[in-house]
PDB file of all heavy atoms in Angstrom:
ATOM      1  N   VAL A   1     123.362 -24.517 -14.854  1.00  0.00           N
ATOM      2  CA  VAL A   1     124.544 -25.298 -14.493  1.00  0.00           C
ATOM      3  C   VAL A   1     124.290 -26.008 -13.174  1.00  0.00           C
ATOM      4  O   VAL A   1     123.418 -25.624 -12.400  1.00  0.00           O
ATOM      5  CB  VAL A   1     125.800 -24.406 -14.383  1.00  0.00           C
ATOM      6  CG1 VAL A   1     126.187 -23.863 -15.753  1.00  0.00           C
ATOM      7  CG2 VAL A   1     125.583 -23.261 -13.391  1.00  0.00           C
ATOM      8  N   ASN A   2     125.089 -27.052 -12.929  1.00  0.00           N
ATOM      9  CA  ASN A   2     124.951 -27.777 -11.665  1.00  0.00           C
ATOM     10  C   ASN A   2     125.726 -27.067 -10.561  1.00  0.00           C
ATOM     11  O   ASN A   2     126.262 -25.971 -10.760  1.00  0.00           O
ATOM     12  CB  ASN A   2     125.395 -29.236 -11.832  1.00  0.00           C
ATOM     13  CG  ASN A   2     126.858 -29.367 -12.256  1.00  0.00           C
ATOM     14  OD1 ASN A   2     127.656 -28.443 -12.101  1.00  0.00           O
ATOM     15  ND2 ASN A   2     127.216 -30.533 -12.777  1.00  0.00           N
ATOM     16  N   SER A   3     125.813 -27.681  -9.394  1.00  0.00           N
ATOM     17  CA  SER A   3     126.460 -27.036  -8.247  1.00  0.00           C
ATOM     18  C   SER A   3     127.953 -26.804  -8.464  1.00  0.00           C
ATOM     19  O   SER A   3     128.562 -25.986  -7.780  1.00  0.00           O
ATOM     20  CB  SER A   3     126.250 -27.880  -6.985  1.00  0.00           C
ATOM     21  OG  SER A   3     126.814 -29.177  -7.158  1.00  0.00           O
ATOM     22  N   GLU A   4     128.532 -27.512  -9.444  1.00  0.00           N
ATOM     23  CA  GLU A   4     129.938 -27.315  -9.775  1.00  0.00           C
ATOM     24  C   GLU A   4     130.123 -26.190 -10.799  1.00  0.00           C
ATOM     25  O   GLU A   4     131.245 -25.806 -11.112  1.00  0.00           O
ATOM     26  CB  GLU A   4     130.527 -28.618 -10.341  1.00  0.00           C
ATOM     27  CG  GLU A   4     130.741 -29.701  -9.305  1.00  0.00           C
ATOM     28  CD  GLU A   4     132.021 -29.484  -8.516  1.00  0.00           C
ATOM     29  OE1 GLU A   4     133.104 -29.595  -9.105  1.00  0.00           O
ATOM     30  OE2 GLU A   4     131.919 -29.188  -7.313  1.00  0.00           O
ATOM     31  N   GLY A   5     129.005 -25.710 -11.347  1.00  0.00           N
ATOM     32  CA  GLY A   5     129.079 -24.609 -12.300  1.00  0.00           C
ATOM     33  C   GLY A   5     129.254 -25.021 -13.738  1.00  0.00           C
ATOM     34  O   GLY A   5     129.684 -24.216 -14.565  1.00  0.00           O
ATOM     35  N   VAL A   6     128.901 -26.283 -14.086  1.00  0.00           N
ATOM     36  CA  VAL A   6     129.045 -26.737 -15.470  1.00  0.00           C
ATOM     37  C   VAL A   6     127.733 -27.319 -15.983  1.00  0.00           C
ATOM     38  O   VAL A   6     126.845 -27.684 -15.213  1.00  0.00           O
ATOM     39  CB  VAL A   6     130.173 -27.788 -15.625  1.00  0.00           C
ATOM     40  CG1 VAL A   6     131.518 -27.196 -15.256  1.00  0.00           C
ATOM     41  CG2 VAL A   6     129.881 -29.032 -14.819  1.00  0.00           C
ATOM     42  N   VAL A   7     127.652 -27.426 -17.302  1.00  0.00           N
ATOM     43  CA  VAL A   7     126.534 -28.085 -17.976  1.00  0.00           C
ATOM     44  C   VAL A   7     126.953 -29.527 -18.253  1.00  0.00           C
ATOM     45  O   VAL A   7     128.070 -29.778 -18.700  1.00  0.00           O
ATOM     46  CB  VAL A   7     126.194 -27.362 -19.295  1.00  0.00           C
ATOM     47  CG1 VAL A   7     125.263 -28.210 -20.155  1.00  0.00           C
ATOM     48  CG2 VAL A   7     125.563 -26.005 -19.015  1.00  0.00           C
ATOM     49  N   THR A   8     126.073 -30.467 -17.991  1.00  0.00           N
ATOM     50  CA  THR A   8     126.385 -31.874 -18.253  1.00  0.00           C
ATOM     51  C   THR A   8     125.907 -32.280 -19.640  1.00  0.00           C
ATOM     52  O   THR A   8     125.029 -31.638 -20.233  1.00  0.00           O
ATOM     53  CB  THR A   8     125.718 -32.790 -17.213  1.00  0.00           C
ATOM     54  OG1 THR A   8     124.289 -32.720 -17.375  1.00  0.00           O
ATOM     55  CG2 THR A   8     126.105 -32.376 -15.795  1.00  0.00           C
ATOM     56  N   ALA A   9     126.477 -33.374 -20.120  1.00  0.00           N
ATOM     57  CA  ALA A   9     126.084 -33.894 -21.428  1.00  0.00           C
ATOM     58  C   ALA A   9     124.605 -34.275 -21.445  1.00  0.00           C
ATOM     59  O   ALA A   9     123.903 -34.036 -22.438  1.00  0.00           O
ATOM     60  CB  ALA A   9     126.966 -35.096 -21.785  1.00  0.00           C
ATOM     61  N   GLN A  10     124.117 -34.832 -20.349  1.00  0.00           N
ATOM     62  CA  GLN A  10     122.713 -35.239 -20.301  1.00  0.00           C
ATOM     63  C   GLN A  10     121.780 -34.036 -20.362  1.00  0.00           C
ATOM     64  O   GLN A  10     120.715 -34.100 -20.995  1.00  0.00           O
ATOM     65  CB  GLN A  10     122.436 -36.046 -19.033  1.00  0.00           C
ATOM     66  CG  GLN A  10     121.051 -36.701 -19.008  1.00  0.00           C
ATOM     67  CD  GLN A  10     120.827 -37.646 -20.180  1.00  0.00           C
ATOM     68  OE1 GLN A  10     121.652 -38.511 -20.459  1.00  0.00           O
ATOM     69  NE2 GLN A  10     119.714 -37.465 -20.892  1.00  0.00           N
ATOM     70  N   GLN A  11     122.166 -32.949 -19.729  1.00  0.00           N
ATOM     71  CA  GLN A  11     121.352 -31.728 -19.797  1.00  0.00           C
ATOM     72  C   GLN A  11     121.190 -31.269 -21.241  1.00  0.00           C
ATOM     73  O   GLN A  11     120.087 -30.900 -21.666  1.00  0.00           O
ATOM     74  CB  GLN A  11     122.015 -30.603 -19.004  1.00  0.00           C
ATOM     75  CG  GLN A  11     121.812 -30.642 -17.508  1.00  0.00           C
ATOM     76  CD  GLN A  11     122.544 -29.493 -16.844  1.00  0.00           C
ATOM     77  OE1 GLN A  11     123.764 -29.547 -16.646  1.00  0.00           O
ATOM     78  NE2 GLN A  11     121.827 -28.436 -16.519  1.00  0.00           N
ATOM     79  N   LEU A  12     122.279 -31.284 -21.986  1.00  0.00           N
ATOM     80  CA  LEU A  12     122.199 -30.856 -23.383  1.00  0.00           C
ATOM     81  C   LEU A  12     121.344 -31.827 -24.188  1.00  0.00           C
ATOM     82  O   LEU A  12     120.490 -31.399 -24.976  1.00  0.00           O
ATOM     83  CB  LEU A  12     123.588 -30.742 -23.994  1.00  0.00           C
ATOM     84  CG  LEU A  12     123.618 -30.345 -25.481  1.00  0.00           C
ATOM     85  CD1 LEU A  12     122.933 -28.998 -25.697  1.00  0.00           C
ATOM     86  CD2 LEU A  12     125.038 -30.310 -26.020  1.00  0.00           C
ATOM     87  N   ARG A  13     121.553 -33.113 -23.984  1.00  0.00           N
ATOM     88  CA  ARG A  13     120.776 -34.108 -24.740  1.00  0.00           C
ATOM     89  C   ARG A  13     119.277 -33.923 -24.496  1.00  0.00           C
ATOM     90  O   ARG A  13     118.470 -34.015 -25.427  1.00  0.00           O
ATOM     91  CB  ARG A  13     121.222 -35.521 -24.358  1.00  0.00           C
ATOM     92  CG  ARG A  13     120.558 -36.612 -25.198  1.00  0.00           C
ATOM     93  CD  ARG A  13     121.106 -37.983 -24.876  1.00  0.00           C
ATOM     94  NE  ARG A  13     122.503 -38.132 -25.234  1.00  0.00           N
ATOM     95  CZ  ARG A  13     122.941 -38.351 -26.467  1.00  0.00           C
ATOM     96  NH1 ARG A  13     122.069 -38.420 -27.477  1.00  0.00           N
ATOM     97  NH2 ARG A  13     124.219 -38.488 -26.702  1.00  0.00           N
ATOM     98  N   ASP A  14     118.917 -33.660 -23.261  1.00  0.00           N
ATOM     99  CA  ASP A  14     117.499 -33.477 -22.932  1.00  0.00           C
ATOM    100  C   ASP A  14     116.900 -32.250 -23.615  1.00  0.00           C
ATOM    101  O   ASP A  14     115.678 -32.188 -23.832  1.00  0.00           O
ATOM    102  CB  ASP A  14     117.321 -33.343 -21.417  1.00  0.00           C
ATOM    103  CG  ASP A  14     117.613 -34.645 -20.671  1.00  0.00           C
ATOM    104  OD1 ASP A  14     117.651 -35.710 -21.311  1.00  0.00           O
ATOM    105  OD2 ASP A  14     117.822 -34.582 -19.437  1.00  0.00           O
ATOM    106  N   ALA A  15     117.742 -31.272 -23.946  1.00  0.00           N
ATOM    107  CA  ALA A  15     117.250 -30.024 -24.546  1.00  0.00           C
ATOM    108  C   ALA A  15     117.297 -30.036 -26.069  1.00  0.00           C
ATOM    109  O   ALA A  15     116.720 -29.153 -26.710  1.00  0.00           O
ATOM    110  CB  ALA A  15     118.071 -28.843 -24.030  1.00  0.00           C
ATOM    111  N   MET A  16     117.967 -31.025 -26.647  1.00  0.00           N
ATOM    112  CA  MET A  16     118.202 -31.012 -28.092  1.00  0.00           C
ATOM    113  C   MET A  16     116.988 -31.481 -28.893  1.00  0.00           C
ATOM    114  O   MET A  16     116.179 -32.279 -28.432  1.00  0.00           O
ATOM    115  CB  MET A  16     119.389 -31.914 -28.442  1.00  0.00           C
ATOM    116  CG  MET A  16     120.750 -31.357 -28.067  1.00  0.00           C
ATOM    117  SD  MET A  16     121.175 -29.791 -28.895  1.00  0.00           S
ATOM    118  CE  MET A  16     121.099 -30.251 -30.629  1.00  0.00           C
ATOM    119  N   SER A  17     116.887 -30.955 -30.110  1.00  0.00           N
ATOM    120  CA  SER A  17     115.934 -31.430 -31.115  1.00  0.00           C
ATOM    121  C   SER A  17     116.459 -30.974 -32.472  1.00  0.00           C
ATOM    122  O   SER A  17     117.460 -30.244 -32.560  1.00  0.00           O
ATOM    123  CB  SER A  17     114.525 -30.875 -30.855  1.00  0.00           C
ATOM    124  OG  SER A  17     114.530 -29.459 -30.914  1.00  0.00           O
ATOM    125  N   ASP A  18     115.790 -31.387 -33.522  1.00  0.00           N
ATOM    126  CA  ASP A  18     116.279 -31.094 -34.872  1.00  0.00           C
ATOM    127  C   ASP A  18     116.139 -29.630 -35.267  1.00  0.00           C
ATOM    128  O   ASP A  18     116.636 -29.224 -36.319  1.00  0.00           O
ATOM    129  CB  ASP A  18     115.538 -31.959 -35.898  1.00  0.00           C
ATOM    130  CG  ASP A  18     115.860 -33.441 -35.749  1.00  0.00           C
ATOM    131  OD1 ASP A  18     116.935 -33.746 -35.187  1.00  0.00           O
ATOM    132  OD2 ASP A  18     115.041 -34.278 -36.169  1.00  0.00           O
ATOM    133  N   ASP A  19     115.462 -28.821 -34.428  1.00  0.00           N
ATOM    134  CA  ASP A  19     115.278 -27.413 -34.781  1.00  0.00           C
ATOM    135  C   ASP A  19     116.408 -26.523 -34.258  1.00  0.00           C
ATOM    136  O   ASP A  19     116.376 -25.302 -34.423  1.00  0.00           O
ATOM    137  CB  ASP A  19     113.935 -26.891 -34.271  1.00  0.00           C
ATOM    138  CG  ASP A  19     113.829 -26.901 -32.742  1.00  0.00           C
ATOM    139  OD1 ASP A  19     114.753 -27.420 -32.078  1.00  0.00           O
ATOM    140  OD2 ASP A  19     112.808 -26.397 -32.222  1.00  0.00           O
ATOM    141  N   VAL A  20     117.425 -27.115 -33.627  1.00  0.00           N
ATOM    142  CA  VAL A  20     118.530 -26.335 -33.059  1.00  0.00           C
ATOM    143  C   VAL A  20     119.566 -26.034 -34.142  1.00  0.00           C
ATOM    144  O   VAL A  20     120.098 -26.940 -34.786  1.00  0.00           O
ATOM    145  CB  VAL A  20     119.196 -27.086 -31.888  1.00  0.00           C
ATOM    146  CG1 VAL A  20     120.385 -26.283 -31.360  1.00  0.00           C
ATOM    147  CG2 VAL A  20     118.190 -27.337 -30.779  1.00  0.00           C
ATOM    148  N   ALA A  21     119.849 -24.754 -34.323  1.00  0.00           N
ATOM    149  CA  ALA A  21     120.852 -24.339 -35.301  1.00  0.00           C
ATOM    150  C   ALA A  21     122.254 -24.347 -34.712  1.00  0.00           C
ATOM    151  O   ALA A  21     123.219 -24.727 -35.378  1.00  0.00           O
ATOM    152  CB  ALA A  21     120.526 -22.934 -35.816  1.00  0.00           C
ATOM    153  N   LEU A  22     122.364 -23.892 -33.458  1.00  0.00           N
ATOM    154  CA  LEU A  22     123.675 -23.701 -32.844  1.00  0.00           C
ATOM    155  C   LEU A  22     123.619 -24.006 -31.361  1.00  0.00           C
ATOM    156  O   LEU A  22     122.681 -23.613 -30.675  1.00  0.00           O
ATOM    157  CB  LEU A  22     124.144 -22.248 -33.036  1.00  0.00           C
ATOM    158  CG  LEU A  22     125.468 -21.847 -32.375  1.00  0.00           C
ATOM    159  CD1 LEU A  22     126.652 -22.496 -33.097  1.00  0.00           C
ATOM    160  CD2 LEU A  22     125.633 -20.321 -32.372  1.00  0.00           C
ATOM    161  N   VAL A  23     124.654 -24.691 -30.888  1.00  0.00           N
ATOM    162  CA  VAL A  23     124.897 -24.829 -29.455  1.00  0.00           C
ATOM    163  C   VAL A  23     126.198 -24.095 -29.165  1.00  0.00           C
ATOM    164  O   VAL A  23     127.210 -24.331 -29.821  1.00  0.00           O
ATOM    165  CB  VAL A  23     125.015 -26.303 -29.018  1.00  0.00           C
ATOM    166  CG1 VAL A  23     125.346 -26.392 -27.530  1.00  0.00           C
ATOM    167  CG2 VAL A  23     123.733 -27.069 -29.338  1.00  0.00           C
ATOM    168  N   SER A  24     126.167 -23.179 -28.211  1.00  0.00           N
ATOM    169  CA  SER A  24     127.370 -22.429 -27.839  1.00  0.00           C
ATOM    170  C   SER A  24     127.594 -22.555 -26.339  1.00  0.00           C
ATOM    171  O   SER A  24     126.845 -21.995 -25.543  1.00  0.00           O
ATOM    172  CB  SER A  24     127.232 -20.947 -28.223  1.00  0.00           C
ATOM    173  OG  SER A  24     128.416 -20.243 -27.899  1.00  0.00           O
ATOM    174  N   VAL A  25     128.619 -23.319 -25.969  1.00  0.00           N
ATOM    175  CA  VAL A  25     128.977 -23.533 -24.565  1.00  0.00           C
ATOM    176  C   VAL A  25     130.489 -23.392 -24.439  1.00  0.00           C
ATOM    177  O   VAL A  25     131.248 -23.996 -25.201  1.00  0.00           O
ATOM    178  CB  VAL A  25     128.526 -24.917 -24.057  1.00  0.00           C
ATOM    179  CG1 VAL A  25     128.952 -25.117 -22.598  1.00  0.00           C
ATOM    180  CG2 VAL A  25     127.013 -25.084 -24.199  1.00  0.00           C
ATOM    181  N   MET A  26     130.932 -22.620 -23.485  1.00  0.00           N
ATOM    182  CA  MET A  26     132.354 -22.313 -23.312  1.00  0.00           C
ATOM    183  C   MET A  26     133.181 -23.549 -22.946  1.00  0.00           C
ATOM    184  O   MET A  26     132.658 -24.529 -22.420  1.00  0.00           O
ATOM    185  CB  MET A  26     132.520 -21.236 -22.241  1.00  0.00           C
ATOM    186  CG  MET A  26     131.890 -21.614 -20.918  1.00  0.00           C
ATOM    187  SD  MET A  26     131.994 -20.379 -19.587  1.00  0.00           S
ATOM    188  CE  MET A  26     131.921 -18.824 -20.367  1.00  0.00           C
ATOM    189  N   VAL A  27     134.489 -23.468 -23.200  1.00  0.00           N
ATOM    190  CA  VAL A  27     135.399 -24.536 -22.790  1.00  0.00           C
ATOM    191  C   VAL A  27     135.672 -24.443 -21.295  1.00  0.00           C
ATOM    192  O   VAL A  27     135.638 -25.445 -20.577  1.00  0.00           O
ATOM    193  CB  VAL A  27     136.732 -24.471 -23.564  1.00  0.00           C
ATOM    194  CG1 VAL A  27     137.659 -25.617 -23.140  1.00  0.00           C
ATOM    195  CG2 VAL A  27     136.503 -24.521 -25.068  1.00  0.00           C
ATOM    196  N   ALA A  28     135.972 -23.242 -20.822  1.00  0.00           N
ATOM    197  CA  ALA A  28     136.236 -23.019 -19.395  1.00  0.00           C
ATOM    198  C   ALA A  28     135.625 -21.686 -18.997  1.00  0.00           C
ATOM    199  O   ALA A  28     135.680 -20.718 -19.759  1.00  0.00           O
ATOM    200  CB  ALA A  28     137.732 -23.029 -19.108  1.00  0.00           C
TER     201      ALA A  28
END
């Protein structure tokens, strides 16, 4: 997470590929 304690959309995009079955990230 960043200094604010959250994951950004760009961070997820950089980690994604077609082999991912599930992304699990909390709402709050």
